[in-house]
Amino acid sequence: MNQHIELTPGEKEKIAIRAKEIVQDIESGKDPNFYGPPLTQSGKERMLVTIQTASN
């Protein structure tokens, strides 16, 4: 089962905005983890790299 789902331009824009907000939160020292214990510094760095890689 290999499906490709195309996002609308509006959905892409909302995702990009939220990704930027998460990056800003991490860079300002806020913890973006919504569930469970706070992220470690290493976890925050990995999340930043993942978001930046996915948005390129």
PDB file of N, CA and C in Angstrom:
ATOM      1  N   MET A   1       0.852  -1.172   0.000  1.00  0.00           N
ATOM      2  CA  MET A   1       0.000   0.000   0.000  1.00  0.00           C
ATOM      3  C   MET A   1       0.897   1.234   0.000  1.00  0.00           C
ATOM      4  N   ASN A   2       1.139   1.762  -1.153  1.00  0.00           N
ATOM      5  CA  ASN A   2       2.028   2.889  -1.303  1.00  0.00           C
ATOM      6  C   ASN A   2       1.240   4.046  -1.924  1.00  0.00           C
ATOM      7  N   GLN A   3       0.769   4.964  -1.092  1.00  0.00           N
ATOM      8  CA  GLN A   3      -0.040   6.074  -1.579  1.00  0.00           C
ATOM      9  C   GLN A   3       0.735   7.379  -1.465  1.00  0.00           C
ATOM     10  N   HIS A   4       0.520   8.229  -2.423  1.00  0.00           N
ATOM     11  CA  HIS A   4       1.109   9.563  -2.398  1.00  0.00           C
ATOM     12  C   HIS A   4      -0.023  10.559  -2.186  1.00  0.00           C
ATOM     13  N   ILE A   5       0.091  11.350  -1.152  1.00  0.00           N
ATOM     14  CA  ILE A   5      -0.942  12.339  -0.843  1.00  0.00           C
ATOM     15  C   ILE A   5      -0.371  13.719  -1.141  1.00  0.00           C
ATOM     16  N   GLU A   6      -1.045  14.437  -1.985  1.00  0.00           N
ATOM     17  CA  GLU A   6      -0.612  15.780  -2.355  1.00  0.00           C
ATOM     18  C   GLU A   6      -1.240  16.797  -1.402  1.00  0.00           C
ATOM     19  N   LEU A   7      -0.423  17.660  -0.827  1.00  0.00           N
ATOM     20  CA  LEU A   7      -0.922  18.712   0.059  1.00  0.00           C
ATOM     21  C   LEU A   7      -1.341  19.915  -0.765  1.00  0.00           C
ATOM     22  N   THR A   8      -2.330  20.622  -0.264  1.00  0.00           N
ATOM     23  CA  THR A   8      -2.750  21.852  -0.927  1.00  0.00           C
ATOM     24  C   THR A   8      -1.749  22.951  -0.580  1.00  0.00           C
ATOM     25  N   PRO A   9      -1.703  24.009  -1.368  1.00  0.00           N
ATOM     26  CA  PRO A   9      -0.809  25.122  -1.032  1.00  0.00           C
ATOM     27  C   PRO A   9      -1.083  25.680   0.370  1.00  0.00           C
ATOM     28  N   GLY A  10      -2.348  25.727   0.766  1.00  0.00           N
ATOM     29  CA  GLY A  10      -2.696  26.216   2.105  1.00  0.00           C
ATOM     30  C   GLY A  10      -2.151  25.319   3.205  1.00  0.00           C
ATOM     31  N   GLU A  11      -2.241  24.010   2.992  1.00  0.00           N
ATOM     32  CA  GLU A  11      -1.704  23.064   3.972  1.00  0.00           C
ATOM     33  C   GLU A  11      -0.187  23.187   4.078  1.00  0.00           C
ATOM     34  N   LYS A  12       0.474  23.325   2.926  1.00  0.00           N
ATOM     35  CA  LYS A  12       1.925  23.494   2.922  1.00  0.00           C
ATOM     36  C   LYS A  12       2.330  24.758   3.677  1.00  0.00           C
ATOM     37  N   GLU A  13       1.575  25.824   3.478  1.00  0.00           N
ATOM     38  CA  GLU A  13       1.868  27.092   4.155  1.00  0.00           C
ATOM     39  C   GLU A  13       1.701  26.959   5.664  1.00  0.00           C
ATOM     40  N   LYS A  14       0.621  26.294   6.099  1.00  0.00           N
ATOM     41  CA  LYS A  14       0.393  26.102   7.535  1.00  0.00           C
ATOM     42  C   LYS A  14       1.510  25.271   8.166  1.00  0.00           C
ATOM     43  N   ILE A  15       1.953  24.246   7.462  1.00  0.00           N
ATOM     44  CA  ILE A  15       3.044  23.410   7.971  1.00  0.00           C
ATOM     45  C   ILE A  15       4.331  24.223   8.071  1.00  0.00           C
ATOM     46  N   ALA A  16       4.612  25.033   7.048  1.00  0.00           N
ATOM     47  CA  ALA A  16       5.826  25.856   7.063  1.00  0.00           C
ATOM     48  C   ALA A  16       5.801  26.863   8.211  1.00  0.00           C
ATOM     49  N   ILE A  17       4.654  27.458   8.443  1.00  0.00           N
ATOM     50  CA  ILE A  17       4.525  28.428   9.538  1.00  0.00           C
ATOM     51  C   ILE A  17       4.760  27.737  10.876  1.00  0.00           C
ATOM     52  N   ARG A  18       4.148  26.588  11.074  1.00  0.00           N
ATOM     53  CA  ARG A  18       4.305  25.865  12.347  1.00  0.00           C
ATOM     54  C   ARG A  18       5.741  25.403  12.528  1.00  0.00           C
ATOM     55  N   ALA A  19       6.378  24.957  11.459  1.00  0.00           N
ATOM     56  CA  ALA A  19       7.779  24.536  11.553  1.00  0.00           C
ATOM     57  C   ALA A  19       8.667  25.701  11.980  1.00  0.00           C
ATOM     58  N   LYS A  20       8.425  26.881  11.418  1.00  0.00           N
ATOM     59  CA  LYS A  20       9.196  28.069  11.804  1.00  0.00           C
ATOM     60  C   LYS A  20       8.966  28.412  13.276  1.00  0.00           C
ATOM     61  N   GLU A  21       7.733  28.283  13.737  1.00  0.00           N
ATOM     62  CA  GLU A  21       7.426  28.553  15.148  1.00  0.00           C
ATOM     63  C   GLU A  21       8.173  27.580  16.061  1.00  0.00           C
ATOM     64  N   ILE A  22       8.200  26.315  15.681  1.00  0.00           N
ATOM     65  CA  ILE A  22       8.899  25.314  16.497  1.00  0.00           C
ATOM     66  C   ILE A  22      10.388  25.626  16.538  1.00  0.00           C
ATOM     67  N   VAL A  23      10.970  25.975  15.396  1.00  0.00           N
ATOM     68  CA  VAL A  23      12.393  26.324  15.349  1.00  0.00           C
ATOM     69  C   VAL A  23      12.668  27.539  16.236  1.00  0.00           C
ATOM     70  N   GLN A  24      11.827  28.551  16.152  1.00  0.00           N
ATOM     71  CA  GLN A  24      12.002  29.751  16.981  1.00  0.00           C
ATOM     72  C   GLN A  24      11.906  29.408  18.464  1.00  0.00           C
ATOM     73  N   ASP A  25      10.963  28.547  18.821  1.00  0.00           N
ATOM     74  CA  ASP A  25      10.823  28.127  20.215  1.00  0.00           C
ATOM     75  C   ASP A  25      12.091  27.436  20.702  1.00  0.00           C
ATOM     76  N   ILE A  26      12.613  26.518  19.897  1.00  0.00           N
ATOM     77  CA  ILE A  26      13.826  25.792  20.291  1.00  0.00           C
ATOM     78  C   ILE A  26      14.983  26.765  20.449  1.00  0.00           C
ATOM     79  N   GLU A  27      15.146  27.668  19.480  1.00  0.00           N
ATOM     80  CA  GLU A  27      16.259  28.616  19.520  1.00  0.00           C
ATOM     81  C   GLU A  27      16.147  29.589  20.689  1.00  0.00           C
ATOM     82  N   SER A  28      14.926  29.857  21.154  1.00  0.00           N
ATOM     83  CA  SER A  28      14.755  30.784  22.275  1.00  0.00           C
ATOM     84  C   SER A  28      14.786  30.069  23.623  1.00  0.00           C
ATOM     85  N   GLY A  29      14.976  28.735  23.594  1.00  0.00           N
ATOM     86  CA  GLY A  29      15.103  27.991  24.834  1.00  0.00           C
ATOM     87  C   GLY A  29      13.850  27.300  25.310  1.00  0.00           C
ATOM     88  N   LYS A  30      12.740  27.478  24.601  1.00  0.00           N
ATOM     89  CA  LYS A  30      11.495  26.807  24.988  1.00  0.00           C
ATOM     90  C   LYS A  30      11.570  25.330  24.623  1.00  0.00           C
ATOM     91  N   ASP A  31      10.854  24.513  25.353  1.00  0.00           N
ATOM     92  CA  ASP A  31      10.831  23.080  25.087  1.00  0.00           C
ATOM     93  C   ASP A  31       9.651  22.762  24.178  1.00  0.00           C
ATOM     94  N   PRO A  32       9.907  22.259  22.964  1.00  0.00           N
ATOM     95  CA  PRO A  32       8.823  21.966  22.035  1.00  0.00           C
ATOM     96  C   PRO A  32       8.148  20.614  22.268  1.00  0.00           C
ATOM     97  N   ASN A  33       8.577  19.887  23.290  1.00  0.00           N
ATOM     98  CA  ASN A  33       8.016  18.568  23.542  1.00  0.00           C
ATOM     99  C   ASN A  33       6.649  18.718  24.189  1.00  0.00           C
ATOM    100  N   PHE A  34       5.631  18.253  23.494  1.00  0.00           N
ATOM    101  CA  PHE A  34       4.268  18.383  23.976  1.00  0.00           C
ATOM    102  C   PHE A  34       3.845  17.211  24.850  1.00  0.00           C
ATOM    103  N   TYR A  35       4.587  16.119  24.767  1.00  0.00           N
ATOM    104  CA  TYR A  35       4.236  14.909  25.502  1.00  0.00           C
ATOM    105  C   TYR A  35       5.487  14.372  26.175  1.00  0.00           C
ATOM    106  N   GLY A  36       5.383  14.053  27.431  1.00  0.00           N
ATOM    107  CA  GLY A  36       6.506  13.430  28.118  1.00  0.00           C
ATOM    108  C   GLY A  36       7.494  14.424  28.685  1.00  0.00           C
ATOM    109  N   PRO A  37       8.669  13.912  29.051  1.00  0.00           N
ATOM    110  CA  PRO A  37       9.675  14.757  29.688  1.00  0.00           C
ATOM    111  C   PRO A  37      10.264  15.767  28.701  1.00  0.00           C
ATOM    112  N   PRO A  38      10.874  16.829  29.223  1.00  0.00           N
ATOM    113  CA  PRO A  38      11.498  17.834  28.357  1.00  0.00           C
ATOM    114  C   PRO A  38      12.591  17.214  27.489  1.00  0.00           C
ATOM    115  N   LEU A  39      12.782  17.807  26.314  1.00  0.00           N
ATOM    116  CA  LEU A  39      13.840  17.339  25.432  1.00  0.00           C
ATOM    117  C   LEU A  39      15.201  17.723  25.986  1.00  0.00           C
ATOM    118  N   THR A  40      16.169  16.874  25.734  1.00  0.00           N
ATOM    119  CA  THR A  40      17.552  17.207  26.072  1.00  0.00           C
ATOM    120  C   THR A  40      18.067  18.185  25.021  1.00  0.00           C
ATOM    121  N   GLN A  41      19.216  18.774  25.275  1.00  0.00           N
ATOM    122  CA  GLN A  41      19.813  19.677  24.285  1.00  0.00           C
ATOM    123  C   GLN A  41      20.074  18.919  22.986  1.00  0.00           C
ATOM    124  N   SER A  42      20.527  17.688  23.100  1.00  0.00           N
ATOM    125  CA  SER A  42      20.785  16.863  21.924  1.00  0.00           C
ATOM    126  C   SER A  42      19.481  16.608  21.152  1.00  0.00           C
ATOM    127  N   GLY A  43      18.409  16.351  21.868  1.00  0.00           N
ATOM    128  CA  GLY A  43      17.114  16.140  21.233  1.00  0.00           C
ATOM    129  C   GLY A  43      16.628  17.376  20.502  1.00  0.00           C
ATOM    130  N   LYS A  44      16.843  18.539  21.102  1.00  0.00           N
ATOM    131  CA  LYS A  44      16.452  19.798  20.457  1.00  0.00           C
ATOM    132  C   LYS A  44      17.249  20.011  19.173  1.00  0.00           C
ATOM    133  N   GLU A  45      18.551  19.717  19.241  1.00  0.00           N
ATOM    134  CA  GLU A  45      19.398  19.884  18.056  1.00  0.00           C
ATOM    135  C   GLU A  45      18.970  18.946  16.941  1.00  0.00           C
ATOM    136  N   ARG A  46      18.640  17.709  17.290  1.00  0.00           N
ATOM    137  CA  ARG A  46      18.180  16.751  16.277  1.00  0.00           C
ATOM    138  C   ARG A  46      16.856  17.194  15.672  1.00  0.00           C
ATOM    139  N   MET A  47      15.963  17.741  16.500  1.00  0.00           N
ATOM    140  CA  MET A  47      14.681  18.219  15.993  1.00  0.00           C
ATOM    141  C   MET A  47      14.890  19.384  15.029  1.00  0.00           C
ATOM    142  N   LEU A  48      15.788  20.305  15.372  1.00  0.00           N
ATOM    143  CA  LEU A  48      16.094  21.430  14.487  1.00  0.00           C
ATOM    144  C   LEU A  48      16.595  20.940  13.136  1.00  0.00           C
ATOM    145  N   VAL A  49      17.536  20.016  13.154  1.00  0.00           N
ATOM    146  CA  VAL A  49      18.098  19.482  11.912  1.00  0.00           C
ATOM    147  C   VAL A  49      17.008  18.802  11.088  1.00  0.00           C
ATOM    148  N   THR A  50      16.153  18.042  11.743  1.00  0.00           N
ATOM    149  CA  THR A  50      15.081  17.338  11.043  1.00  0.00           C
ATOM    150  C   THR A  50      14.117  18.312  10.381  1.00  0.00           C
ATOM    151  N   ILE A  51      13.707  19.333  11.103  1.00  0.00           N
ATOM    152  CA  ILE A  51      12.778  20.330  10.539  1.00  0.00           C
ATOM    153  C   ILE A  51      13.427  21.075   9.397  1.00  0.00           C
ATOM    154  N   GLN A  52      14.669  21.484   9.585  1.00  0.00           N
ATOM    155  CA  GLN A  52      15.364  22.244   8.527  1.00  0.00           C
ATOM    156  C   GLN A  52      15.597  21.380   7.298  1.00  0.00           C
ATOM    157  N   THR A  53      15.902  20.110   7.487  1.00  0.00           N
ATOM    158  CA  THR A  53      16.108  19.206   6.357  1.00  0.00           C
ATOM    159  C   THR A  53      14.802  18.975   5.622  1.00  0.00           C
ATOM    160  N   ALA A  54      13.727  18.765   6.348  1.00  0.00           N
ATOM    161  CA  ALA A  54      12.425  18.496   5.727  1.00  0.00           C
ATOM    162  C   ALA A  54      11.880  19.705   4.977  1.00  0.00           C
ATOM    163  N   SER A  55      12.239  20.906   5.416  1.00  0.00           N
ATOM    164  CA  SER A  55      11.690  22.094   4.790  1.00  0.00           C
ATOM    165  C   SER A  55      12.474  22.521   3.547  1.00  0.00           C
ATOM    166  N   ASN A  56      13.579  21.858   3.281  1.00  0.00           N
ATOM    167  CA  ASN A  56      14.370  22.195   2.079  1.00  0.00           C
ATOM    168  C   ASN A  56      13.972  21.367   0.897  1.00  0.00           C
TER     169      ASN A  56
END
